[in-house]
C-alpha atoms as a PDB file:
ATOM      1  CA  UNK A   1     110.377  31.293  83.477  1.00  0.00           C
ATOM      2  CA  UNK A   2     113.758  32.506  82.526  1.00  0.00           C
ATOM      3  CA  UNK A   3     113.309  35.435  84.825  1.00  0.00           C
ATOM      4  CA  UNK A   4     112.332  33.133  87.775  1.00  0.00           C
ATOM      5  CA  UNK A   5     115.761  30.451  86.417  1.00  0.00           C
ATOM      6  CA  UNK A   6     117.670  33.618  86.978  1.00  0.00           C
ATOM      7  CA  UNK A   7     116.179  34.270  90.572  1.00  0.00           C
ATOM      8  CA  UNK A   8     116.388  30.767  91.456  1.00  0.00           C
ATOM      9  CA  UNK A   9     120.096  30.719  90.214  1.00  0.00           C
ATOM     10  CA  UNK A  10     120.787  34.135  92.085  1.00  0.00           C
ATOM     11  CA  UNK A  11     119.644  32.730  95.398  1.00  0.00           C
ATOM     12  CA  UNK A  12     121.733  29.736  95.282  1.00  0.00           C
ATOM     13  CA  UNK A  13     124.640  31.701  94.353  1.00  0.00           C
ATOM     14  CA  UNK A  14     123.448  34.156  97.567  1.00  0.00           C
ATOM     15  CA  UNK A  15     123.385  30.774  99.587  1.00  0.00           C
ATOM     16  CA  UNK A  16     126.551  29.118  98.666  1.00  0.00           C
ATOM     17  CA  UNK A  17     128.776  32.198  99.095  1.00  0.00           C
ATOM     18  CA  UNK A  18     127.101  32.558 102.957  1.00  0.00           C
ATOM     19  CA  UNK A  19     127.665  29.150 104.041  1.00  0.00           C
ATOM     20  CA  UNK A  20     131.623  29.073 102.490  1.00  0.00           C
ATOM     21  CA  UNK A  21     132.099  32.978 104.561  1.00  0.00           C
ATOM     22  CA  UNK A  22     130.423  31.380 107.878  1.00  0.00           C
ATOM     23  CA  UNK A  23     132.845  28.736 107.697  1.00  0.00           C
ATOM     24  CA  UNK A  24     135.659  30.723 106.848  1.00  0.00           C
ATOM     25  CA  UNK A  25     135.101  33.003 109.969  1.00  0.00           C
ATOM     26  CA  UNK A  26     134.748  29.931 112.283  1.00  0.00           C
ATOM     27  CA  UNK A  27     138.704  28.543 111.215  1.00  0.00           C
ATOM     28  CA  UNK A  28     141.403  30.224 113.317  1.00  0.00           C
ATOM     29  CA  UNK A  29     144.562  30.188 111.679  1.00  0.00           C
ATOM     30  CA  UNK A  30     148.019  29.532 113.748  1.00  0.00           C
ATOM     31  CA  UNK A  31     149.717  32.085 111.547  1.00  0.00           C
ATOM     32  CA  UNK A  32     147.757  34.392 109.681  1.00  0.00           C
ATOM     33  CA  UNK A  33     148.262  35.190 105.835  1.00  0.00           C
ATOM     34  CA  UNK A  34     148.509  38.899 104.623  1.00  0.00           C
ATOM     35  CA  UNK A  35     145.752  39.385 102.862  1.00  0.00           C
ATOM     36  CA  UNK A  36     145.203  40.885  99.838  1.00  0.00           C
ATOM     37  CA  UNK A  37     142.295  43.571  99.000  1.00  0.00           C
ATOM     38  CA  UNK A  38     139.118  42.491  98.200  1.00  0.00           C
ATOM     39  CA  UNK A  39     139.192  38.560  98.861  1.00  0.00           C
ATOM     40  CA  UNK A  40     137.424  36.114  96.971  1.00  0.00           C
ATOM     41  CA  UNK A  41     138.120  33.140  98.568  1.00  0.00           C
ATOM     42  CA  UNK A  42     137.158  33.766 102.839  1.00  0.00           C
ATOM     43  CA  UNK A  43     139.232  31.060 104.372  1.00  0.00           C
ATOM     44  CA  UNK A  44     142.517  31.430 106.454  1.00  0.00           C
ATOM     45  CA  UNK A  45     145.926  30.993 105.226  1.00  0.00           C
ATOM     46  CA  UNK A  46     149.129  30.396 106.740  1.00  0.00           C
ATOM     47  CA  UNK A  47     152.319  32.080 106.410  1.00  0.00           C
ATOM     48  CA  UNK A  48     155.281  29.344 106.044  1.00  0.00           C
ATOM     49  CA  UNK A  49     158.472  31.389 106.485  1.00  0.00           C
ATOM     50  CA  UNK A  50     161.088  31.641 104.566  1.00  0.00           C
ATOM     51  CA  UNK A  51     164.057  29.120 104.815  1.00  0.00           C
ATOM     52  CA  UNK A  52     165.736  25.780 104.179  1.00  0.00           C
ATOM     53  CA  UNK A  53     163.674  22.431 104.698  1.00  0.00           C
ATOM     54  CA  UNK A  54     165.037  18.605 104.060  1.00  0.00           C
ATOM     55  CA  UNK A  55     163.333  17.460 101.369  1.00  0.00           C
ATOM     56  CA  UNK A  56     162.563  13.286 100.485  1.00  0.00           C
ATOM     57  CA  UNK A  57     164.260  10.805 101.978  1.00  0.00           C
ATOM     58  CA  UNK A  58     167.463   9.445 102.005  1.00  0.00           C
ATOM     59  CA  UNK A  59     168.525   6.170  99.642  1.00  0.00           C
ATOM     60  CA  UNK A  60     167.210   3.235 101.104  1.00  0.00           C
ATOM     61  CA  UNK A  61     164.151   4.754 103.405  1.00  0.00           C
ATOM     62  CA  UNK A  62     160.672   5.651 101.444  1.00  0.00           C
ATOM     63  CA  UNK A  63     160.592   4.861  97.398  1.00  0.00           C
ATOM     64  CA  UNK A  64     162.721   5.815  95.165  1.00  0.00           C
ATOM     65  CA  UNK A  65     161.146   8.713  93.783  1.00  0.00           C
ATOM     66  CA  UNK A  66     161.711  10.280  96.925  1.00  0.00           C
ATOM     67  CA  UNK A  67     165.382  10.148  96.696  1.00  0.00           C
ATOM     68  CA  UNK A  68     167.706  11.783  97.367  1.00  0.00           C
ATOM     69  CA  UNK A  69     167.120  13.540 100.651  1.00  0.00           C
ATOM     70  CA  UNK A  70     168.359  17.476  99.926  1.00  0.00           C
ATOM     71  CA  UNK A  71     168.198  20.640 101.742  1.00  0.00           C
ATOM     72  CA  UNK A  72     165.443  23.120  99.921  1.00  0.00           C
ATOM     73  CA  UNK A  73     164.982  26.792 100.158  1.00  0.00           C
ATOM     74  CA  UNK A  74     161.992  28.026  99.665  1.00  0.00           C
ATOM     75  CA  UNK A  75     160.927  32.021  99.604  1.00  0.00           C
ATOM     76  CA  UNK A  76     157.912  32.928 102.151  1.00  0.00           C
ATOM     77  CA  UNK A  77     154.348  31.564 100.825  1.00  0.00           C
ATOM     78  CA  UNK A  78     151.232  31.218 102.535  1.00  0.00           C
ATOM     79  CA  UNK A  79     149.036  27.828 102.220  1.00  0.00           C
ATOM     80  CA  UNK A  80     145.430  27.615 102.652  1.00  0.00           C
ATOM     81  CA  UNK A  81     144.715  25.952 106.166  1.00  0.00           C
ATOM     82  CA  UNK A  82     142.209  23.625 104.780  1.00  0.00           C
ATOM     83  CA  UNK A  83     141.222  21.811 101.556  1.00  0.00           C
ATOM     84  CA  UNK A  84     138.806  23.724  99.351  1.00  0.00           C
ATOM     85  CA  UNK A  85     135.420  22.288 100.342  1.00  0.00           C
ATOM     86  CA  UNK A  86     132.081  21.877  98.459  1.00  0.00           C
ATOM     87  CA  UNK A  87     130.584  25.259  99.566  1.00  0.00           C
ATOM     88  CA  UNK A  88     133.529  27.035  98.269  1.00  0.00           C
ATOM     89  CA  UNK A  89     134.358  25.491  95.145  1.00  0.00           C
ATOM     90  CA  UNK A  90     130.158  25.940  94.443  1.00  0.00           C
ATOM     91  CA  UNK A  91     130.694  29.441  95.287  1.00  0.00           C
ATOM     92  CA  UNK A  92     132.991  29.436  92.373  1.00  0.00           C
ATOM     93  CA  UNK A  93     130.970  27.889  90.082  1.00  0.00           C
ATOM     94  CA  UNK A  94     127.602  29.907  90.670  1.00  0.00           C
ATOM     95  CA  UNK A  95     130.310  33.149  90.301  1.00  0.00           C
ATOM     96  CA  UNK A  96     131.867  32.052  87.137  1.00  0.00           C
ATOM     97  CA  UNK A  97     129.970  29.230  85.632  1.00  0.00           C
ATOM     98  CA  UNK A  98     132.341  27.071  85.520  1.00  0.00           C
ATOM     99  CA  UNK A  99     131.672  23.352  85.106  1.00  0.00           C
ATOM    100  CA  UNK A 100     130.437  21.680  88.631  1.00  0.00           C
ATOM    101  CA  UNK A 101     132.320  18.220  89.735  1.00  0.00           C
ATOM    102  CA  UNK A 102     130.397  14.996  89.297  1.00  0.00           C
ATOM    103  CA  UNK A 103     128.575  14.412  92.378  1.00  0.00           C
ATOM    104  CA  UNK A 104     130.205  10.465  93.996  1.00  0.00           C
ATOM    105  CA  UNK A 105     127.184  10.726  96.817  1.00  0.00           C
ATOM    106  CA  UNK A 106     124.126  10.589  94.306  1.00  0.00           C
ATOM    107  CA  UNK A 107     122.867  10.815  91.115  1.00  0.00           C
ATOM    108  CA  UNK A 108     121.719  14.814  91.415  1.00  0.00           C
ATOM    109  CA  UNK A 109     123.709  17.967  90.837  1.00  0.00           C
ATOM    110  CA  UNK A 110     126.125  18.286  93.733  1.00  0.00           C
ATOM    111  CA  UNK A 111     124.392  21.215  94.762  1.00  0.00           C
ATOM    112  CA  UNK A 112     121.235  19.674  95.740  1.00  0.00           C
ATOM    113  CA  UNK A 113     122.881  17.601  98.469  1.00  0.00           C
ATOM    114  CA  UNK A 114     122.340  18.572 101.920  1.00  0.00           C
ATOM    115  CA  UNK A 115     125.248  18.407 104.938  1.00  0.00           C
ATOM    116  CA  UNK A 116     128.384  18.108 102.508  1.00  0.00           C
ATOM    117  CA  UNK A 117     129.404  21.492 102.391  1.00  0.00           C
ATOM    118  CA  UNK A 118     132.366  21.224 104.412  1.00  0.00           C
ATOM    119  CA  UNK A 119     133.613  18.117 102.877  1.00  0.00           C
ATOM    120  CA  UNK A 120     136.588  18.664 100.718  1.00  0.00           C
ATOM    121  CA  UNK A 121     135.564  19.050  96.960  1.00  0.00           C
ATOM    122  CA  UNK A 122     136.689  15.981  95.291  1.00  0.00           C
ATOM    123  CA  UNK A 123     136.220  14.665  91.239  1.00  0.00           C
ATOM    124  CA  UNK A 124     137.975  18.006  90.496  1.00  0.00           C
ATOM    125  CA  UNK A 125     140.772  17.807  87.625  1.00  0.00           C
ATOM    126  CA  UNK A 126     143.996  19.720  87.787  1.00  0.00           C
ATOM    127  CA  UNK A 127     142.596  22.142  85.420  1.00  0.00           C
ATOM    128  CA  UNK A 128     139.756  22.630  87.716  1.00  0.00           C
ATOM    129  CA  UNK A 129     141.896  23.036  90.670  1.00  0.00           C
ATOM    130  CA  UNK A 130     143.875  25.575  88.619  1.00  0.00           C
ATOM    131  CA  UNK A 131     140.889  27.429  87.592  1.00  0.00           C
ATOM    132  CA  UNK A 132     140.029  27.958  91.204  1.00  0.00           C
ATOM    133  CA  UNK A 133     142.725  28.812  92.425  1.00  0.00           C
ATOM    134  CA  UNK A 134     143.296  31.861  89.650  1.00  0.00           C
ATOM    135  CA  UNK A 135     139.730  32.780  90.536  1.00  0.00           C
ATOM    136  CA  UNK A 136     141.277  33.235  93.832  1.00  0.00           C
ATOM    137  CA  UNK A 137     143.981  35.449  92.770  1.00  0.00           C
ATOM    138  CA  UNK A 138     146.119  32.358  94.205  1.00  0.00           C
ATOM    139  CA  UNK A 139     147.783  29.310  92.889  1.00  0.00           C
ATOM    140  CA  UNK A 140     148.497  25.625  93.612  1.00  0.00           C
ATOM    141  CA  UNK A 141     151.496  25.086  95.693  1.00  0.00           C
ATOM    142  CA  UNK A 142     154.280  23.741  94.405  1.00  0.00           C
ATOM    143  CA  UNK A 143     155.254  20.112  95.081  1.00  0.00           C
ATOM    144  CA  UNK A 144     158.354  21.840  97.637  1.00  0.00           C
ATOM    145  CA  UNK A 145     156.053  24.529  99.334  1.00  0.00           C
ATOM    146  CA  UNK A 146     153.462  21.565  99.734  1.00  0.00           C
ATOM    147  CA  UNK A 147     156.283  19.222 101.722  1.00  0.00           C
ATOM    148  CA  UNK A 148     157.464  22.148 103.172  1.00  0.00           C
ATOM    149  CA  UNK A 149     154.037  22.857 104.827  1.00  0.00           C
ATOM    150  CA  UNK A 150     153.234  19.330 105.408  1.00  0.00           C
ATOM    151  CA  UNK A 151     156.941  18.328 107.401  1.00  0.00           C
ATOM    152  CA  UNK A 152     158.438  21.997 109.039  1.00  0.00           C
ATOM    153  CA  UNK A 153     162.234  21.846 109.216  1.00  0.00           C
ATOM    154  CA  UNK A 154     162.474  18.902 111.762  1.00  0.00           C
ATOM    155  CA  UNK A 155     161.926  16.063 108.749  1.00  0.00           C
ATOM    156  CA  UNK A 156     158.904  14.442 110.355  1.00  0.00           C
ATOM    157  CA  UNK A 157     157.555  11.325 108.593  1.00  0.00           C
ATOM    158  CA  UNK A 158     153.859  12.769 109.019  1.00  0.00           C
ATOM    159  CA  UNK A 159     152.763  16.574 109.381  1.00  0.00           C
ATOM    160  CA  UNK A 160     151.927  15.814 113.288  1.00  0.00           C
ATOM    161  CA  UNK A 161     155.302  14.089 114.093  1.00  0.00           C
ATOM    162  CA  UNK A 162     156.743  10.463 113.762  1.00  0.00           C
ATOM    163  CA  UNK A 163     154.152   9.029 115.888  1.00  0.00           C
ATOM    164  CA  UNK A 164     151.796   6.110 114.045  1.00  0.00           C
ATOM    165  CA  UNK A 165     149.226   7.162 112.197  1.00  0.00           C
ATOM    166  CA  UNK A 166     145.845   6.886 113.595  1.00  0.00           C
ATOM    167  CA  UNK A 167     141.782   7.970 113.116  1.00  0.00           C
ATOM    168  CA  UNK A 168     142.591  10.470 115.602  1.00  0.00           C
ATOM    169  CA  UNK A 169     145.383  11.663 113.199  1.00  0.00           C
ATOM    170  CA  UNK A 170     144.261  11.002 109.664  1.00  0.00           C
ATOM    171  CA  UNK A 171     141.534   9.935 107.766  1.00  0.00           C
ATOM    172  CA  UNK A 172     143.173   7.048 105.639  1.00  0.00           C
ATOM    173  CA  UNK A 173     142.733   2.816 104.941  1.00  0.00           C
ATOM    174  CA  UNK A 174     139.036   3.344 104.379  1.00  0.00           C
ATOM    175  CA  UNK A 175     136.241   1.295 102.462  1.00  0.00           C
ATOM    176  CA  UNK A 176     133.590   4.241 100.539  1.00  0.00           C
ATOM    177  CA  UNK A 177     130.869   4.778 102.432  1.00  0.00           C
ATOM    178  CA  UNK A 178     129.139   7.595 100.815  1.00  0.00           C
ATOM    179  CA  UNK A 179     128.559  11.070 102.546  1.00  0.00           C
ATOM    180  CA  UNK A 180     130.425   9.308 105.962  1.00  0.00           C
ATOM    181  CA  UNK A 181     133.919   8.862 103.795  1.00  0.00           C
ATOM    182  CA  UNK A 182     135.574  12.101 103.870  1.00  0.00           C
ATOM    183  CA  UNK A 183     135.564  14.061 107.385  1.00  0.00           C
ATOM    184  CA  UNK A 184     134.812  17.996 107.773  1.00  0.00           C
ATOM    185  CA  UNK A 185     137.833  20.115 106.541  1.00  0.00           C
ATOM    186  CA  UNK A 186     139.981  20.756 109.931  1.00  0.00           C
ATOM    187  CA  UNK A 187     138.301  18.157 112.201  1.00  0.00           C
ATOM    188  CA  UNK A 188     140.799  16.221 113.047  1.00  0.00           C
ATOM    189  CA  UNK A 189     143.492  18.476 114.868  1.00  0.00           C
ATOM    190  CA  UNK A 190     145.906  15.934 116.138  1.00  0.00           C
ATOM    191  CA  UNK A 191     146.765  15.852 112.486  1.00  0.00           C
ATOM    192  CA  UNK A 192     147.955  19.306 111.718  1.00  0.00           C
ATOM    193  CA  UNK A 193     151.384  20.221 110.548  1.00  0.00           C
ATOM    194  CA  UNK A 194     154.026  21.944 112.651  1.00  0.00           C
ATOM    195  CA  UNK A 195     152.704  25.273 111.015  1.00  0.00           C
ATOM    196  CA  UNK A 196     149.315  24.419 112.087  1.00  0.00           C
ATOM    197  CA  UNK A 197     148.184  23.340 108.455  1.00  0.00           C
ATOM    198  CA  UNK A 198     145.169  20.772 108.712  1.00  0.00           C
ATOM    199  CA  UNK A 199     144.225  17.631 106.584  1.00  0.00           C
ATOM    200  CA  UNK A 200     147.891  17.336 104.791  1.00  0.00           C
ATOM    201  CA  UNK A 201     147.790  13.468 105.497  1.00  0.00           C
ATOM    202  CA  UNK A 202     144.804  11.724 104.237  1.00  0.00           C
ATOM    203  CA  UNK A 203     140.913  12.902 103.415  1.00  0.00           C
ATOM    204  CA  UNK A 204     141.541  14.220 100.195  1.00  0.00           C
ATOM    205  CA  UNK A 205     144.545  13.469  98.026  1.00  0.00           C
ATOM    206  CA  UNK A 206     145.638  17.427  96.508  1.00  0.00           C
ATOM    207  CA  UNK A 207     146.815  18.409  93.038  1.00  0.00           C
ATOM    208  CA  UNK A 208     150.163  20.462  93.082  1.00  0.00           C
ATOM    209  CA  UNK A 209     151.442  22.769  90.468  1.00  0.00           C
ATOM    210  CA  UNK A 210     154.415  20.159  89.261  1.00  0.00           C
ATOM    211  CA  UNK A 211     154.381  18.321  86.769  1.00  0.00           C
ATOM    212  CA  UNK A 212     155.562  14.440  87.882  1.00  0.00           C
ATOM    213  CA  UNK A 213     158.876  13.302  87.059  1.00  0.00           C
ATOM    214  CA  UNK A 214     159.923  10.437  89.180  1.00  0.00           C
ATOM    215  CA  UNK A 215     163.955  11.556  88.888  1.00  0.00           C
ATOM    216  CA  UNK A 216     163.460  15.241  89.676  1.00  0.00           C
ATOM    217  CA  UNK A 217     165.051  15.327  93.212  1.00  0.00           C
ATOM    218  CA  UNK A 218     168.377  14.253  91.475  1.00  0.00           C
ATOM    219  CA  UNK A 219     168.357  17.287  89.663  1.00  0.00           C
ATOM    220  CA  UNK A 220     166.281  19.690  90.772  1.00  0.00           C
ATOM    221  CA  UNK A 221     167.479  23.202  91.870  1.00  0.00           C
ATOM    222  CA  UNK A 222     168.433  23.975  95.458  1.00  0.00           C
ATOM    223  CA  UNK A 223     166.337  26.838  95.283  1.00  0.00           C
ATOM    224  CA  UNK A 224     162.484  27.337  94.969  1.00  0.00           C
ATOM    225  CA  UNK A 225     162.159  24.548  92.755  1.00  0.00           C
ATOM    226  CA  UNK A 226     159.109  24.649  90.211  1.00  0.00           C
ATOM    227  CA  UNK A 227     158.904  21.054  88.751  1.00  0.00           C
ATOM    228  CA  UNK A 228     160.304  19.736  85.823  1.00  0.00           C
ATOM    229  CA  UNK A 229     159.763  21.214  82.756  1.00  0.00           C
ATOM    230  CA  UNK A 230     156.615  19.467  80.743  1.00  0.00           C
ATOM    231  CA  UNK A 231     156.882  15.766  80.657  1.00  0.00           C
ATOM    232  CA  UNK A 232     153.652  14.021  79.505  1.00  0.00           C
ATOM    233  CA  UNK A 233     150.528  14.347  80.845  1.00  0.00           C
ATOM    234  CA  UNK A 234     150.866  13.484  84.518  1.00  0.00           C
ATOM    235  CA  UNK A 235     150.748  15.867  87.507  1.00  0.00           C
ATOM    236  CA  UNK A 236     152.155  15.414  90.660  1.00  0.00           C
ATOM    237  CA  UNK A 237     149.277  14.679  93.763  1.00  0.00           C
ATOM    238  CA  UNK A 238     150.274  14.671  97.253  1.00  0.00           C
ATOM    239  CA  UNK A 239     149.041  13.449 100.688  1.00  0.00           C
ATOM    240  CA  UNK A 240     147.123  10.270  99.986  1.00  0.00           C
ATOM    241  CA  UNK A 241     143.004  10.189 100.434  1.00  0.00           C
ATOM    242  CA  UNK A 242     140.720   8.292 103.054  1.00  0.00           C
ATOM    243  CA  UNK A 243     141.779   5.316 100.980  1.00  0.00           C
ATOM    244  CA  UNK A 244     145.148   5.284 100.750  1.00  0.00           C
ATOM    245  CA  UNK A 245     147.731   2.651 102.836  1.00  0.00           C
ATOM    246  CA  UNK A 246     149.824   4.464 105.703  1.00  0.00           C
ATOM    247  CA  UNK A 247     152.715   4.469 102.904  1.00  0.00           C
ATOM    248  CA  UNK A 248     150.835   7.035 101.132  1.00  0.00           C
ATOM    249  CA  UNK A 249     149.929   9.560 103.734  1.00  0.00           C
ATOM    250  CA  UNK A 250     153.471  10.446 104.851  1.00  0.00           C
ATOM    251  CA  UNK A 251     155.278  13.881 104.174  1.00  0.00           C
ATOM    252  CA  UNK A 252     157.537  12.712 101.324  1.00  0.00           C
ATOM    253  CA  UNK A 253     155.239  10.476  99.759  1.00  0.00           C
ATOM    254  CA  UNK A 254     154.426  11.080  96.105  1.00  0.00           C
ATOM    255  CA  UNK A 255     151.401  10.573  93.994  1.00  0.00           C
ATOM    256  CA  UNK A 256     150.663  11.074  90.529  1.00  0.00           C
ATOM    257  CA  UNK A 257     147.794  11.410  87.873  1.00  0.00           C
ATOM    258  CA  UNK A 258     147.172  12.504  84.436  1.00  0.00           C
ATOM    259  CA  UNK A 259     145.772  16.423  84.601  1.00  0.00           C
ATOM    260  CA  UNK A 260     142.261  15.494  83.813  1.00  0.00           C
ATOM    261  CA  UNK A 261     141.914  12.788  86.256  1.00  0.00           C
ATOM    262  CA  UNK A 262     138.910  12.731  88.611  1.00  0.00           C
ATOM    263  CA  UNK A 263     138.417  10.669  91.486  1.00  0.00           C
ATOM    264  CA  UNK A 264     136.618  10.257  94.715  1.00  0.00           C
ATOM    265  CA  UNK A 265     139.834  10.774  96.422  1.00  0.00           C
ATOM    266  CA  UNK A 266     141.601  14.001  94.851  1.00  0.00           C
ATOM    267  CA  UNK A 267     141.017  17.635  95.575  1.00  0.00           C
ATOM    268  CA  UNK A 268     143.146  20.105  96.517  1.00  0.00           C
ATOM    269  CA  UNK A 269     144.000  23.599  98.168  1.00  0.00           C
ATOM    270  CA  UNK A 270     145.905  26.886  97.143  1.00  0.00           C
ATOM    271  CA  UNK A 271     149.002  28.730  97.945  1.00  0.00           C
ATOM    272  CA  UNK A 272     150.124  32.605  96.854  1.00  0.00           C
ATOM    273  CA  UNK A 273     153.976  33.980  97.174  1.00  0.00           C
ATOM    274  CA  UNK A 274     154.363  36.372  99.470  1.00  0.00           C
ATOM    275  CA  UNK A 275     157.063  38.811  97.570  1.00  0.00           C
ATOM    276  CA  UNK A 276     155.050  42.144  97.453  1.00  0.00           C
ATOM    277  CA  UNK A 277     152.196  41.290  94.618  1.00  0.00           C
ATOM    278  CA  UNK A 278     149.746  37.897  93.876  1.00  0.00           C
ATOM    279  CA  UNK A 279     151.582  35.596  91.482  1.00  0.00           C
ATOM    280  CA  UNK A 280     149.138  32.829  90.422  1.00  0.00           C
ATOM    281  CA  UNK A 281     150.597  30.245  88.100  1.00  0.00           C
END
């Protein structure tokens, strides 16, 4: 009995890992980031060049926690081209024994669901996201890194520019419809950022590294800001989800949630420092 269970568990691990590998090969990044030896998370990463960008909004535009707008310098870094999928996350679960997230689509375990492999994983806590990225020899992006990857250096309102948000550019402002709610990652190329990073508006909100502080922009450093010192239990979340109104899917909109929050609309992607060594958080 025990041997049979072990064989089945090994078979599931192999199947999930193969699905993740096949999809990773299918996506071609606009700018490929340097890889590390024995890469675990086989997904394209996009290099965001070092330099300045304008973070936030001028007073009177957007929301108060986006003020003031300031020029911020970031070192070069890489970020996943797409959000972490169910297939990739379940490969992590099978390899490490980390708990599987709740199944938002039915009553059985998430692994039992068919056709959801390339949907972004949701129902993950901040700690789940951090654990995955650490396992992949990566880390969560900072808020500043996430925003630069989304808006580039021309202060665009959305990742694709200033044109209005549409269903061809982002998955947003919808009601829950089981497996039809979330879109497969990378399936809306009209919504790509100037660097070719996908799905930064809508679909799944994304955990980032920083603690949330509504007034942080007023006193944050102008070079490689890492977020405020620990403050309460609330972490920053960016990008908006399938349910978010248009005001929440802009490149500057800031969300937040307790680090143990799990929702049908919250997932994540990973990043990596490119200063000659891997620097997981």
